[in-house]
Amino acid sequence: MIIEGKFFLEAIIIPNQLESTSLIFVINGSETDFWLVRKHIVINGWIFLYAIQKGSNKKVKMWLHKSNFKQQNDIKVLARYILFNQK
């Protein structure tokens, strides 16, 4: 997925800790952390994310479809995290 014409997003890592509110993105082969979801939309197999990185000016806007995920259940896991764990 191309983000702002500069980055290639390879993975979104959901933290194991319940108190953690930030995601980890793998961009261009390196892990970048402290991503906060500011806006989101969850609609039938689609997720829209607008995320910003704490401490930098990096912003990401993307639509994710269930076909973007390796396993069909992964989009549900991400949607649950966004809907119930974000503050």
PDB file of N, CA and C in Angstrom:
ATOM      1  N   MET A   1       0.841  -1.163   0.000  1.00  0.00           N
ATOM      2  CA  MET A   1       0.000   0.000   0.000  1.00  0.00           C
ATOM      3  C   MET A   1       0.895   1.237   0.000  1.00  0.00           C
ATOM      4  N   ILE A   2       0.661   2.151  -0.903  1.00  0.00           N
ATOM      5  CA  ILE A   2       1.437   3.383  -0.980  1.00  0.00           C
ATOM      6  C   ILE A   2       0.783   4.436  -0.094  1.00  0.00           C
ATOM      7  N   ILE A   3       1.575   5.083   0.730  1.00  0.00           N
ATOM      8  CA  ILE A   3       1.077   6.107   1.638  1.00  0.00           C
ATOM      9  C   ILE A   3       1.742   7.423   1.284  1.00  0.00           C
ATOM     10  N   GLU A   4       0.972   8.396   0.881  1.00  0.00           N
ATOM     11  CA  GLU A   4       1.453   9.722   0.529  1.00  0.00           C
ATOM     12  C   GLU A   4       2.571   9.667  -0.506  1.00  0.00           C
ATOM     13  N   GLY A   5       2.613   8.614  -1.327  1.00  0.00           N
ATOM     14  CA  GLY A   5       3.597   8.497  -2.390  1.00  0.00           C
ATOM     15  C   GLY A   5       5.017   8.257  -1.915  1.00  0.00           C
ATOM     16  N   LYS A   6       5.241   8.045  -0.616  1.00  0.00           N
ATOM     17  CA  LYS A   6       6.593   7.923  -0.087  1.00  0.00           C
ATOM     18  C   LYS A   6       6.864   6.612   0.633  1.00  0.00           C
ATOM     19  N   PHE A   7       5.832   5.990   1.172  1.00  0.00           N
ATOM     20  CA  PHE A   7       6.033   4.851   2.046  1.00  0.00           C
ATOM     21  C   PHE A   7       5.318   3.607   1.533  1.00  0.00           C
ATOM     22  N   PHE A   8       5.824   2.456   1.957  1.00  0.00           N
ATOM     23  CA  PHE A   8       5.182   1.183   1.683  1.00  0.00           C
ATOM     24  C   PHE A   8       4.854   0.549   3.029  1.00  0.00           C
ATOM     25  N   LEU A   9       3.579   0.463   3.353  1.00  0.00           N
ATOM     26  CA  LEU A   9       3.143  -0.115   4.622  1.00  0.00           C
ATOM     27  C   LEU A   9       3.062  -1.625   4.469  1.00  0.00           C
ATOM     28  N   GLU A  10       3.859  -2.338   5.273  1.00  0.00           N
ATOM     29  CA  GLU A  10       3.911  -3.792   5.179  1.00  0.00           C
ATOM     30  C   GLU A  10       3.042  -4.482   6.225  1.00  0.00           C
ATOM     31  N   ALA A  11       2.921  -3.870   7.401  1.00  0.00           N
ATOM     32  CA  ALA A  11       2.157  -4.522   8.470  1.00  0.00           C
ATOM     33  C   ALA A  11       1.697  -3.505   9.501  1.00  0.00           C
ATOM     34  N   ILE A  12       0.621  -3.852  10.185  1.00  0.00           N
ATOM     35  CA  ILE A  12       0.150  -3.113  11.349  1.00  0.00           C
ATOM     36  C   ILE A  12       0.196  -4.095  12.512  1.00  0.00           C
ATOM     37  N   ILE A  13       0.936  -3.741  13.559  1.00  0.00           N
ATOM     38  CA  ILE A  13       1.095  -4.623  14.710  1.00  0.00           C
ATOM     39  C   ILE A  13       0.266  -4.067  15.863  1.00  0.00           C
ATOM     40  N   ILE A  14      -0.627  -4.896  16.377  1.00  0.00           N
ATOM     41  CA  ILE A  14      -1.461  -4.517  17.512  1.00  0.00           C
ATOM     42  C   ILE A  14      -0.721  -4.924  18.780  1.00  0.00           C
ATOM     43  N   PRO A  15      -0.559  -4.015  19.742  1.00  0.00           N
ATOM     44  CA  PRO A  15       0.187  -4.350  20.967  1.00  0.00           C
ATOM     45  C   PRO A  15      -0.546  -5.383  21.816  1.00  0.00           C
ATOM     46  N   ASN A  16       0.237  -6.181  22.547  1.00  0.00           N
ATOM     47  CA  ASN A  16      -0.339  -7.198  23.432  1.00  0.00           C
ATOM     48  C   ASN A  16      -0.837  -6.605  24.737  1.00  0.00           C
ATOM     49  N   GLN A  17      -0.274  -5.486  25.143  1.00  0.00           N
ATOM     50  CA  GLN A  17      -0.614  -4.900  26.436  1.00  0.00           C
ATOM     51  C   GLN A  17      -1.946  -4.168  26.349  1.00  0.00           C
ATOM     52  N   LEU A  18      -2.778  -4.386  27.338  1.00  0.00           N
ATOM     53  CA  LEU A  18      -4.091  -3.751  27.349  1.00  0.00           C
ATOM     54  C   LEU A  18      -4.003  -2.245  27.562  1.00  0.00           C
ATOM     55  N   GLU A  19      -2.986  -1.793  28.294  1.00  0.00           N
ATOM     56  CA  GLU A  19      -2.877  -0.368  28.576  1.00  0.00           C
ATOM     57  C   GLU A  19      -2.260   0.426  27.431  1.00  0.00           C
ATOM     58  N   SER A  20      -1.713  -0.242  26.443  1.00  0.00           N
ATOM     59  CA  SER A  20      -1.091   0.450  25.315  1.00  0.00           C
ATOM     60  C   SER A  20      -2.169   0.965  24.362  1.00  0.00           C
ATOM     61  N   THR A  21      -2.048   2.221  23.955  1.00  0.00           N
ATOM     62  CA  THR A  21      -3.041   2.817  23.058  1.00  0.00           C
ATOM     63  C   THR A  21      -2.465   3.119  21.688  1.00  0.00           C
ATOM     64  N   SER A  22      -1.224   2.708  21.434  1.00  0.00           N
ATOM     65  CA  SER A  22      -0.618   3.030  20.143  1.00  0.00           C
ATOM     66  C   SER A  22      -0.313   1.761  19.356  1.00  0.00           C
ATOM     67  N   LEU A  23      -0.385   1.886  18.046  1.00  0.00           N
ATOM     68  CA  LEU A  23      -0.082   0.789  17.132  1.00  0.00           C
ATOM     69  C   LEU A  23       1.368   0.884  16.673  1.00  0.00           C
ATOM     70  N   ILE A  24       1.856  -0.192  16.101  1.00  0.00           N
ATOM     71  CA  ILE A  24       3.178  -0.213  15.484  1.00  0.00           C
ATOM     72  C   ILE A  24       2.968  -0.497  14.003  1.00  0.00           C
ATOM     73  N   PHE A  25       3.537   0.335  13.137  1.00  0.00           N
ATOM     74  CA  PHE A  25       3.472   0.128  11.693  1.00  0.00           C
ATOM     75  C   PHE A  25       4.841  -0.318  11.208  1.00  0.00           C
ATOM     76  N   VAL A  26       4.866  -1.264  10.286  1.00  0.00           N
ATOM     77  CA  VAL A  26       6.102  -1.637   9.606  1.00  0.00           C
ATOM     78  C   VAL A  26       6.074  -0.929   8.259  1.00  0.00           C
ATOM     79  N   ILE A  27       6.935   0.080   8.128  1.00  0.00           N
ATOM     80  CA  ILE A  27       6.986   0.909   6.922  1.00  0.00           C
ATOM     81  C   ILE A  27       8.363   0.765   6.300  1.00  0.00           C
ATOM     82  N   ASN A  28       8.397   0.406   5.033  1.00  0.00           N
ATOM     83  CA  ASN A  28       9.651   0.220   4.297  1.00  0.00           C
ATOM     84  C   ASN A  28      10.609  -0.708   5.035  1.00  0.00           C
ATOM     85  N   GLY A  29      10.091  -1.744   5.669  1.00  0.00           N
ATOM     86  CA  GLY A  29      10.922  -2.751   6.312  1.00  0.00           C
ATOM     87  C   GLY A  29      11.360  -2.438   7.733  1.00  0.00           C
ATOM     88  N   SER A  30      11.007  -1.280   8.287  1.00  0.00           N
ATOM     89  CA  SER A  30      11.407  -0.965   9.657  1.00  0.00           C
ATOM     90  C   SER A  30      10.170  -0.642  10.499  1.00  0.00           C
ATOM     91  N   GLU A  31      10.236  -1.056  11.766  1.00  0.00           N
ATOM     92  CA  GLU A  31       9.120  -0.817  12.678  1.00  0.00           C
ATOM     93  C   GLU A  31       9.127   0.626  13.162  1.00  0.00           C
ATOM     94  N   THR A  32       7.979   1.269  13.081  1.00  0.00           N
ATOM     95  CA  THR A  32       7.804   2.604  13.644  1.00  0.00           C
ATOM     96  C   THR A  32       6.642   2.521  14.621  1.00  0.00           C
ATOM     97  N   ASP A  33       6.860   3.035  15.823  1.00  0.00           N
ATOM     98  CA  ASP A  33       5.823   2.880  16.840  1.00  0.00           C
ATOM     99  C   ASP A  33       5.216   4.213  17.234  1.00  0.00           C
ATOM    100  N   PHE A  34       4.339   4.155  18.203  1.00  0.00           N
ATOM    101  CA  PHE A  34       3.609   5.309  18.736  1.00  0.00           C
ATOM    102  C   PHE A  34       2.632   5.905  17.733  1.00  0.00           C
ATOM    103  N   TRP A  35       1.954   5.066  16.952  1.00  0.00           N
ATOM    104  CA  TRP A  35       0.918   5.535  16.028  1.00  0.00           C
ATOM    105  C   TRP A  35      -0.423   5.546  16.750  1.00  0.00           C
ATOM    106  N   LEU A  36      -1.082   6.685  16.728  1.00  0.00           N
ATOM    107  CA  LEU A  36      -2.397   6.836  17.350  1.00  0.00           C
ATOM    108  C   LEU A  36      -3.455   7.007  16.271  1.00  0.00           C
ATOM    109  N   VAL A  37      -4.545   6.275  16.392  1.00  0.00           N
ATOM    110  CA  VAL A  37      -5.649   6.398  15.445  1.00  0.00           C
ATOM    111  C   VAL A  37      -6.498   7.584  15.882  1.00  0.00           C
ATOM    112  N   ARG A  38      -6.582   8.592  15.039  1.00  0.00           N
ATOM    113  CA  ARG A  38      -7.366   9.791  15.349  1.00  0.00           C
ATOM    114  C   ARG A  38      -8.792   9.686  14.823  1.00  0.00           C
ATOM    115  N   LYS A  39      -8.956   9.123  13.637  1.00  0.00           N
ATOM    116  CA  LYS A  39     -10.282   8.927  13.058  1.00  0.00           C
ATOM    117  C   LYS A  39     -10.326   7.541  12.450  1.00  0.00           C
ATOM    118  N   HIS A  40     -11.500   6.952  12.482  1.00  0.00           N
ATOM    119  CA  HIS A  40     -11.666   5.631  11.884  1.00  0.00           C
ATOM    120  C   HIS A  40     -13.110   5.451  11.441  1.00  0.00           C
ATOM    121  N   ILE A  41     -13.258   4.611  10.435  1.00  0.00           N
ATOM    122  CA  ILE A  41     -14.573   4.208   9.950  1.00  0.00           C
ATOM    123  C   ILE A  41     -14.496   2.704   9.714  1.00  0.00           C
ATOM    124  N   VAL A  42     -15.460   1.968  10.224  1.00  0.00           N
ATOM    125  CA  VAL A  42     -15.523   0.524  10.009  1.00  0.00           C
ATOM    126  C   VAL A  42     -16.833   0.223   9.298  1.00  0.00           C
ATOM    127  N   ILE A  43     -16.738  -0.298   8.059  1.00  0.00           N
ATOM    128  CA  ILE A  43     -17.917  -0.602   7.243  1.00  0.00           C
ATOM    129  C   ILE A  43     -17.680  -1.931   6.522  1.00  0.00           C
ATOM    130  N   ASN A  44     -18.544  -2.906   6.730  1.00  0.00           N
ATOM    131  CA  ASN A  44     -18.575  -4.172   5.979  1.00  0.00           C
ATOM    132  C   ASN A  44     -17.291  -4.546   5.247  1.00  0.00           C
ATOM    133  N   GLY A  45     -16.301  -5.007   5.944  1.00  0.00           N
ATOM    134  CA  GLY A  45     -15.077  -5.471   5.309  1.00  0.00           C
ATOM    135  C   GLY A  45     -14.095  -4.380   4.944  1.00  0.00           C
ATOM    136  N   TRP A  46     -14.383  -3.148   5.291  1.00  0.00           N
ATOM    137  CA  TRP A  46     -13.492  -2.013   5.036  1.00  0.00           C
ATOM    138  C   TRP A  46     -13.200  -1.287   6.345  1.00  0.00           C
ATOM    139  N   ILE A  47     -11.967  -0.796   6.488  1.00  0.00           N
ATOM    140  CA  ILE A  47     -11.594   0.053   7.616  1.00  0.00           C
ATOM    141  C   ILE A  47     -10.851   1.259   7.062  1.00  0.00           C
ATOM    142  N   PHE A  48     -11.282   2.455   7.459  1.00  0.00           N
ATOM    143  CA  PHE A  48     -10.540   3.678   7.144  1.00  0.00           C
ATOM    144  C   PHE A  48      -9.786   4.090   8.397  1.00  0.00           C
ATOM    145  N   LEU A  49      -8.490   4.365   8.246  1.00  0.00           N
ATOM    146  CA  LEU A  49      -7.673   4.815   9.363  1.00  0.00           C
ATOM    147  C   LEU A  49      -7.031   6.154   9.043  1.00  0.00           C
ATOM    148  N   TYR A  50      -7.080   7.056   9.993  1.00  0.00           N
ATOM    149  CA  TYR A  50      -6.285   8.279   9.954  1.00  0.00           C
ATOM    150  C   TYR A  50      -5.448   8.236  11.217  1.00  0.00           C
ATOM    151  N   ALA A  51      -4.152   8.022  11.063  1.00  0.00           N
ATOM    152  CA  ALA A  51      -3.271   7.856  12.215  1.00  0.00           C
ATOM    153  C   ALA A  51      -2.153   8.886  12.166  1.00  0.00           C
ATOM    154  N   ILE A  52      -1.730   9.305  13.360  1.00  0.00           N
ATOM    155  CA  ILE A  52      -0.578  10.197  13.461  1.00  0.00           C
ATOM    156  C   ILE A  52       0.437   9.545  14.388  1.00  0.00           C
ATOM    157  N   GLN A  53       1.704   9.886  14.177  1.00  0.00           N
ATOM    158  CA  GLN A  53       2.760   9.341  15.016  1.00  0.00           C
ATOM    159  C   GLN A  53       3.113  10.360  16.092  1.00  0.00           C
ATOM    160  N   LYS A  54       3.111   9.917  17.344  1.00  0.00           N
ATOM    161  CA  LYS A  54       3.470  10.810  18.454  1.00  0.00           C
ATOM    162  C   LYS A  54       4.900  11.295  18.261  1.00  0.00           C
ATOM    163  N   GLY A  55       5.129  12.576  18.470  1.00  0.00           N
ATOM    164  CA  GLY A  55       6.479  13.122  18.425  1.00  0.00           C
ATOM    165  C   GLY A  55       6.995  13.438  17.040  1.00  0.00           C
ATOM    166  N   SER A  56       6.187  13.259  16.023  1.00  0.00           N
ATOM    167  CA  SER A  56       6.619  13.601  14.660  1.00  0.00           C
ATOM    168  C   SER A  56       5.422  14.163  13.899  1.00  0.00           C
ATOM    169  N   ASN A  57       5.667  14.599  12.705  1.00  0.00           N
ATOM    170  CA  ASN A  57       4.583  15.134  11.876  1.00  0.00           C
ATOM    171  C   ASN A  57       4.043  14.110  10.885  1.00  0.00           C
ATOM    172  N   LYS A  58       4.396  12.845  11.052  1.00  0.00           N
ATOM    173  CA  LYS A  58       3.950  11.821  10.114  1.00  0.00           C
ATOM    174  C   LYS A  58       2.468  11.538  10.311  1.00  0.00           C
ATOM    175  N   LYS A  59       1.756  11.516   9.191  1.00  0.00           N
ATOM    176  CA  LYS A  59       0.324  11.226   9.190  1.00  0.00           C
ATOM    177  C   LYS A  59       0.041  10.200   8.104  1.00  0.00           C
ATOM    178  N   VAL A  60      -0.895   9.331   8.369  1.00  0.00           N
ATOM    179  CA  VAL A  60      -1.244   8.279   7.425  1.00  0.00           C
ATOM    180  C   VAL A  60      -2.760   8.222   7.297  1.00  0.00           C
ATOM    181  N   LYS A  61      -3.241   8.229   6.064  1.00  0.00           N
ATOM    182  CA  LYS A  61      -4.659   8.004   5.771  1.00  0.00           C
ATOM    183  C   LYS A  61      -4.726   6.809   4.835  1.00  0.00           C
ATOM    184  N   MET A  62      -5.561   5.834   5.173  1.00  0.00           N
ATOM    185  CA  MET A  62      -5.647   4.652   4.318  1.00  0.00           C
ATOM    186  C   MET A  62      -6.974   3.941   4.489  1.00  0.00           C
ATOM    187  N   TRP A  63      -7.412   3.331   3.409  1.00  0.00           N
ATOM    188  CA  TRP A  63      -8.547   2.416   3.416  1.00  0.00           C
ATOM    189  C   TRP A  63      -7.975   1.010   3.350  1.00  0.00           C
ATOM    190  N   LEU A  64      -8.414   0.140   4.229  1.00  0.00           N
ATOM    191  CA  LEU A  64      -7.992  -1.256   4.237  1.00  0.00           C
ATOM    192  C   LEU A  64      -9.199  -2.135   3.939  1.00  0.00           C
ATOM    193  N   HIS A  65      -9.029  -3.061   3.021  1.00  0.00           N
ATOM    194  CA  HIS A  65     -10.082  -4.024   2.695  1.00  0.00           C
ATOM    195  C   HIS A  65      -9.697  -5.372   3.285  1.00  0.00           C
ATOM    196  N   LYS A  66     -10.673  -6.220   3.516  1.00  0.00           N
ATOM    197  CA  LYS A  66     -10.379  -7.526   4.104  1.00  0.00           C
ATOM    198  C   LYS A  66      -9.412  -8.335   3.256  1.00  0.00           C
ATOM    199  N   SER A  67      -9.322  -8.056   1.963  1.00  0.00           N
ATOM    200  CA  SER A  67      -8.372  -8.768   1.103  1.00  0.00           C
ATOM    201  C   SER A  67      -6.933  -8.311   1.333  1.00  0.00           C
ATOM    202  N   ASN A  68      -6.719  -7.196   2.064  1.00  0.00           N
ATOM    203  CA  ASN A  68      -5.377  -6.729   2.388  1.00  0.00           C
ATOM    204  C   ASN A  68      -4.734  -7.534   3.517  1.00  0.00           C
ATOM    205  N   PHE A  69      -5.492  -8.386   4.180  1.00  0.00           N
ATOM    206  CA  PHE A  69      -5.002  -9.104   5.343  1.00  0.00           C
ATOM    207  C   PHE A  69      -4.678 -10.546   4.982  1.00  0.00           C
ATOM    208  N   LYS A  70      -3.662 -11.115   5.664  1.00  0.00           N
ATOM    209  CA  LYS A  70      -3.250 -12.489   5.387  1.00  0.00           C
ATOM    210  C   LYS A  70      -4.334 -13.489   5.769  1.00  0.00           C
ATOM    211  N   GLN A  71      -4.944 -13.286   6.932  1.00  0.00           N
ATOM    212  CA  GLN A  71      -6.019 -14.162   7.382  1.00  0.00           C
ATOM    213  C   GLN A  71      -7.306 -13.360   7.463  1.00  0.00           C
ATOM    214  N   GLN A  72      -8.397 -13.993   7.143  1.00  0.00           N
ATOM    215  CA  GLN A  72      -9.681 -13.304   7.078  1.00  0.00           C
ATOM    216  C   GLN A  72     -10.080 -12.705   8.428  1.00  0.00           C
ATOM    217  N   ASN A  73      -9.690 -13.344   9.511  1.00  0.00           N
ATOM    218  CA  ASN A  73     -10.061 -12.877  10.846  1.00  0.00           C
ATOM    219  C   ASN A  73      -9.264 -11.642  11.285  1.00  0.00           C
ATOM    220  N   ASP A  74      -8.134 -11.351  10.647  1.00  0.00           N
ATOM    221  CA  ASP A  74      -7.269 -10.248  11.069  1.00  0.00           C
ATOM    222  C   ASP A  74      -7.946  -8.887  10.971  1.00  0.00           C
ATOM    223  N   ILE A  75      -8.806  -8.685   9.983  1.00  0.00           N
ATOM    224  CA  ILE A  75      -9.505  -7.397   9.882  1.00  0.00           C
ATOM    225  C   ILE A  75     -10.468  -7.228  11.062  1.00  0.00           C
ATOM    226  N   LYS A  76     -11.050  -8.321  11.535  1.00  0.00           N
ATOM    227  CA  LYS A  76     -11.934  -8.248  12.699  1.00  0.00           C
ATOM    228  C   LYS A  76     -11.156  -7.903  13.963  1.00  0.00           C
ATOM    229  N   VAL A  77      -9.953  -8.460  14.086  1.00  0.00           N
ATOM    230  CA  VAL A  77      -9.103  -8.167  15.244  1.00  0.00           C
ATOM    231  C   VAL A  77      -8.730  -6.689  15.264  1.00  0.00           C
ATOM    232  N   LEU A  78      -8.347  -6.149  14.114  1.00  0.00           N
ATOM    233  CA  LEU A  78      -7.999  -4.727  14.027  1.00  0.00           C
ATOM    234  C   LEU A  78      -9.215  -3.849  14.322  1.00  0.00           C
ATOM    235  N   ALA A  79     -10.367  -4.205  13.779  1.00  0.00           N
ATOM    236  CA  ALA A  79     -11.586  -3.424  14.020  1.00  0.00           C
ATOM    237  C   ALA A  79     -11.952  -3.423  15.504  1.00  0.00           C
ATOM    238  N   ARG A  80     -11.853  -4.573  16.159  1.00  0.00           N
ATOM    239  CA  ARG A  80     -12.149  -4.635  17.596  1.00  0.00           C
ATOM    240  C   ARG A  80     -11.178  -3.771  18.394  1.00  0.00           C
ATOM    241  N   TYR A  81      -9.906  -3.824  18.025  1.00  0.00           N
ATOM    242  CA  TYR A  81      -8.911  -3.008  18.725  1.00  0.00           C
ATOM    243  C   TYR A  81      -9.243  -1.525  18.577  1.00  0.00           C
ATOM    244  N   ILE A  82      -9.547  -1.104  17.367  1.00  0.00           N
ATOM    245  CA  ILE A  82      -9.837   0.310  17.114  1.00  0.00           C
ATOM    246  C   ILE A  82     -11.103   0.749  17.854  1.00  0.00           C
ATOM    247  N   LEU A  83     -12.142  -0.059  17.792  1.00  0.00           N
ATOM    248  CA  LEU A  83     -13.422   0.328  18.384  1.00  0.00           C
ATOM    249  C   LEU A  83     -13.428   0.303  19.912  1.00  0.00           C
ATOM    250  N   PHE A  84     -12.701  -0.634  20.512  1.00  0.00           N
ATOM    251  CA  PHE A  84     -12.822  -0.824  21.953  1.00  0.00           C
ATOM    252  C   PHE A  84     -11.601  -0.411  22.763  1.00  0.00           C
ATOM    253  N   ASN A  85     -10.421  -0.290  22.150  1.00  0.00           N
ATOM    254  CA  ASN A  85      -9.219   0.021  22.920  1.00  0.00           C
ATOM    255  C   ASN A  85      -8.720   1.438  22.737  1.00  0.00           C
ATOM    256  N   GLN A  86      -9.167   2.138  21.719  1.00  0.00           N
ATOM    257  CA  GLN A  86      -8.707   3.508  21.502  1.00  0.00           C
ATOM    258  C   GLN A  86      -9.384   4.435  22.489  1.00  0.00           C
ATOM    259  N   LYS A  87      -8.618   5.413  22.970  1.00  0.00           N
ATOM    260  CA  LYS A  87      -9.162   6.372  23.944  1.00  0.00           C
ATOM    261  C   LYS A  87      -9.220   7.741  23.362  1.00  0.00           C
TER     262      LYS A  87
END
